């Protein structure tokens, strides 16, 4: 029996999953931001906690500006950002450390 003949259908992705091109663009932007932050911290002797605080502040500023300019419900948008941050943090925390 082929996949097209199977009575089991694959469910559609959840609505909050971005299209593949958007996800790739987001991943590339994330990598670039992390690289720039690491280079800046290394070149200027900035501690890791300062890097995390600065990136968190930048995320808060950008997210609030986007929410306000688009008329989003600020509480719901803050919840979305918090859940996504937690998801990424937990996913990255589970990855093995490569030296």
C-alpha atoms as a PDB file:
ATOM      1  CA  UNK A   1       0.000   0.000   0.000  1.00  0.00           C
ATOM      2  CA  UNK A   2       1.413   3.376  -0.974  1.00  0.00           C
ATOM      3  CA  UNK A   3       1.263   6.491   1.154  1.00  0.00           C
ATOM      4  CA  UNK A   4      -1.428   7.985  -1.096  1.00  0.00           C
ATOM      5  CA  UNK A   5      -3.569   4.843  -0.661  1.00  0.00           C
ATOM      6  CA  UNK A   6      -3.174   4.747   3.113  1.00  0.00           C
ATOM      7  CA  UNK A   7      -6.346   5.441   5.105  1.00  0.00           C
ATOM      8  CA  UNK A   8      -4.214   7.253   7.674  1.00  0.00           C
ATOM      9  CA  UNK A   9      -3.785  10.868   6.760  1.00  0.00           C
ATOM     10  CA  UNK A  10      -1.046  13.083   8.035  1.00  0.00           C
ATOM     11  CA  UNK A  11      -2.480  15.947  10.099  1.00  0.00           C
ATOM     12  CA  UNK A  12      -1.660  19.475   8.983  1.00  0.00           C
ATOM     13  CA  UNK A  13       0.978  21.337  10.984  1.00  0.00           C
ATOM     14  CA  UNK A  14      -0.254  23.505  13.843  1.00  0.00           C
ATOM     15  CA  UNK A  15      -1.219  27.019  12.734  1.00  0.00           C
ATOM     16  CA  UNK A  16       1.651  28.650  14.641  1.00  0.00           C
ATOM     17  CA  UNK A  17       4.322  26.832  12.602  1.00  0.00           C
ATOM     18  CA  UNK A  18       5.793  29.326  10.140  1.00  0.00           C
ATOM     19  CA  UNK A  19       6.194  28.446   6.471  1.00  0.00           C
ATOM     20  CA  UNK A  20       9.483  26.694   5.687  1.00  0.00           C
ATOM     21  CA  UNK A  21      11.052  29.758   4.018  1.00  0.00           C
ATOM     22  CA  UNK A  22      10.173  31.946   7.015  1.00  0.00           C
ATOM     23  CA  UNK A  23      11.600  29.352   9.400  1.00  0.00           C
ATOM     24  CA  UNK A  24      14.846  29.198   7.412  1.00  0.00           C
ATOM     25  CA  UNK A  25      15.107  32.975   7.296  1.00  0.00           C
ATOM     26  CA  UNK A  26      14.507  33.080  11.046  1.00  0.00           C
ATOM     27  CA  UNK A  27      17.179  30.457  11.668  1.00  0.00           C
ATOM     28  CA  UNK A  28      19.705  32.403   9.556  1.00  0.00           C
ATOM     29  CA  UNK A  29      18.889  35.622  11.416  1.00  0.00           C
ATOM     30  CA  UNK A  30      19.260  33.830  14.752  1.00  0.00           C
ATOM     31  CA  UNK A  31      22.676  32.466  13.754  1.00  0.00           C
ATOM     32  CA  UNK A  32      23.815  35.918  12.601  1.00  0.00           C
ATOM     33  CA  UNK A  33      22.664  37.594  15.824  1.00  0.00           C
ATOM     34  CA  UNK A  34      24.377  34.981  17.978  1.00  0.00           C
ATOM     35  CA  UNK A  35      27.605  35.331  15.984  1.00  0.00           C
ATOM     36  CA  UNK A  36      27.608  39.145  16.192  1.00  0.00           C
ATOM     37  CA  UNK A  37      26.863  39.035  19.937  1.00  0.00           C
ATOM     38  CA  UNK A  38      29.642  36.505  20.557  1.00  0.00           C
ATOM     39  CA  UNK A  39      32.162  38.514  18.514  1.00  0.00           C
ATOM     40  CA  UNK A  40      31.187  41.750  20.255  1.00  0.00           C
ATOM     41  CA  UNK A  41      31.450  40.126  23.691  1.00  0.00           C
ATOM     42  CA  UNK A  42      34.821  38.562  22.872  1.00  0.00           C
ATOM     43  CA  UNK A  43      36.279  41.754  21.369  1.00  0.00           C
ATOM     44  CA  UNK A  44      35.174  43.917  24.279  1.00  0.00           C
ATOM     45  CA  UNK A  45      35.536  41.451  27.145  1.00  0.00           C
ATOM     46  CA  UNK A  46      31.831  41.478  27.964  1.00  0.00           C
ATOM     47  CA  UNK A  47      30.566  38.757  30.305  1.00  0.00           C
ATOM     48  CA  UNK A  48      28.079  36.103  29.194  1.00  0.00           C
ATOM     49  CA  UNK A  49      25.443  37.449  31.581  1.00  0.00           C
ATOM     50  CA  UNK A  50      25.702  40.884  29.941  1.00  0.00           C
ATOM     51  CA  UNK A  51      25.255  39.264  26.507  1.00  0.00           C
ATOM     52  CA  UNK A  52      22.136  37.394  27.673  1.00  0.00           C
ATOM     53  CA  UNK A  53      20.713  40.550  29.283  1.00  0.00           C
ATOM     54  CA  UNK A  54      21.408  42.626  26.173  1.00  0.00           C
ATOM     55  CA  UNK A  55      19.832  40.093  23.801  1.00  0.00           C
ATOM     56  CA  UNK A  56      16.813  39.717  26.109  1.00  0.00           C
ATOM     57  CA  UNK A  57      16.430  43.500  26.225  1.00  0.00           C
ATOM     58  CA  UNK A  58      16.677  43.709  22.443  1.00  0.00           C
ATOM     59  CA  UNK A  59      14.023  40.997  22.075  1.00  0.00           C
ATOM     60  CA  UNK A  60      11.733  42.837  24.488  1.00  0.00           C
ATOM     61  CA  UNK A  61      12.173  46.144  22.650  1.00  0.00           C
ATOM     62  CA  UNK A  62      11.583  44.660  19.207  1.00  0.00           C
ATOM     63  CA  UNK A  63       8.645  42.497  20.312  1.00  0.00           C
ATOM     64  CA  UNK A  64       6.919  45.417  22.066  1.00  0.00           C
ATOM     65  CA  UNK A  65       7.398  47.674  19.039  1.00  0.00           C
ATOM     66  CA  UNK A  66       5.953  44.994  16.731  1.00  0.00           C
ATOM     67  CA  UNK A  67       3.020  44.340  19.067  1.00  0.00           C
ATOM     68  CA  UNK A  68       2.184  48.053  19.422  1.00  0.00           C
ATOM     69  CA  UNK A  69       2.556  48.889  15.741  1.00  0.00           C
ATOM     70  CA  UNK A  70       0.314  45.978  14.720  1.00  0.00           C
ATOM     71  CA  UNK A  71      -2.293  46.511  17.429  1.00  0.00           C
ATOM     72  CA  UNK A  72      -1.647  43.084  19.000  1.00  0.00           C
ATOM     73  CA  UNK A  73      -3.005  42.229  22.420  1.00  0.00           C
ATOM     74  CA  UNK A  74       0.091  42.944  24.518  1.00  0.00           C
ATOM     75  CA  UNK A  75      -0.627  40.267  27.134  1.00  0.00           C
ATOM     76  CA  UNK A  76      -1.180  37.545  24.554  1.00  0.00           C
ATOM     77  CA  UNK A  77       1.899  38.607  22.599  1.00  0.00           C
ATOM     78  CA  UNK A  78       4.029  38.604  25.754  1.00  0.00           C
ATOM     79  CA  UNK A  79       2.730  35.094  26.491  1.00  0.00           C
ATOM     80  CA  UNK A  80       3.642  33.968  22.956  1.00  0.00           C
ATOM     81  CA  UNK A  81       7.168  35.409  23.310  1.00  0.00           C
ATOM     82  CA  UNK A  82       7.611  33.808  26.738  1.00  0.00           C
ATOM     83  CA  UNK A  83       6.478  30.388  25.532  1.00  0.00           C
ATOM     84  CA  UNK A  84       8.717  30.537  22.480  1.00  0.00           C
ATOM     85  CA  UNK A  85      11.726  31.664  24.533  1.00  0.00           C
ATOM     86  CA  UNK A  86      11.118  28.822  27.005  1.00  0.00           C
ATOM     87  CA  UNK A  87      10.760  26.293  24.168  1.00  0.00           C
ATOM     88  CA  UNK A  88      14.044  27.385  22.574  1.00  0.00           C
ATOM     89  CA  UNK A  89      15.852  27.487  25.927  1.00  0.00           C
ATOM     90  CA  UNK A  90      14.700  23.974  26.834  1.00  0.00           C
ATOM     91  CA  UNK A  91      15.495  22.609  23.367  1.00  0.00           C
ATOM     92  CA  UNK A  92      18.981  24.097  23.360  1.00  0.00           C
ATOM     93  CA  UNK A  93      19.595  22.976  26.956  1.00  0.00           C
ATOM     94  CA  UNK A  94      18.952  19.352  25.956  1.00  0.00           C
ATOM     95  CA  UNK A  95      21.555  19.424  23.174  1.00  0.00           C
ATOM     96  CA  UNK A  96      24.916  17.798  23.903  1.00  0.00           C
ATOM     97  CA  UNK A  97      27.818  20.115  24.603  1.00  0.00           C
ATOM     98  CA  UNK A  98      30.460  19.905  21.881  1.00  0.00           C
ATOM     99  CA  UNK A  99      33.980  20.996  22.772  1.00  0.00           C
END
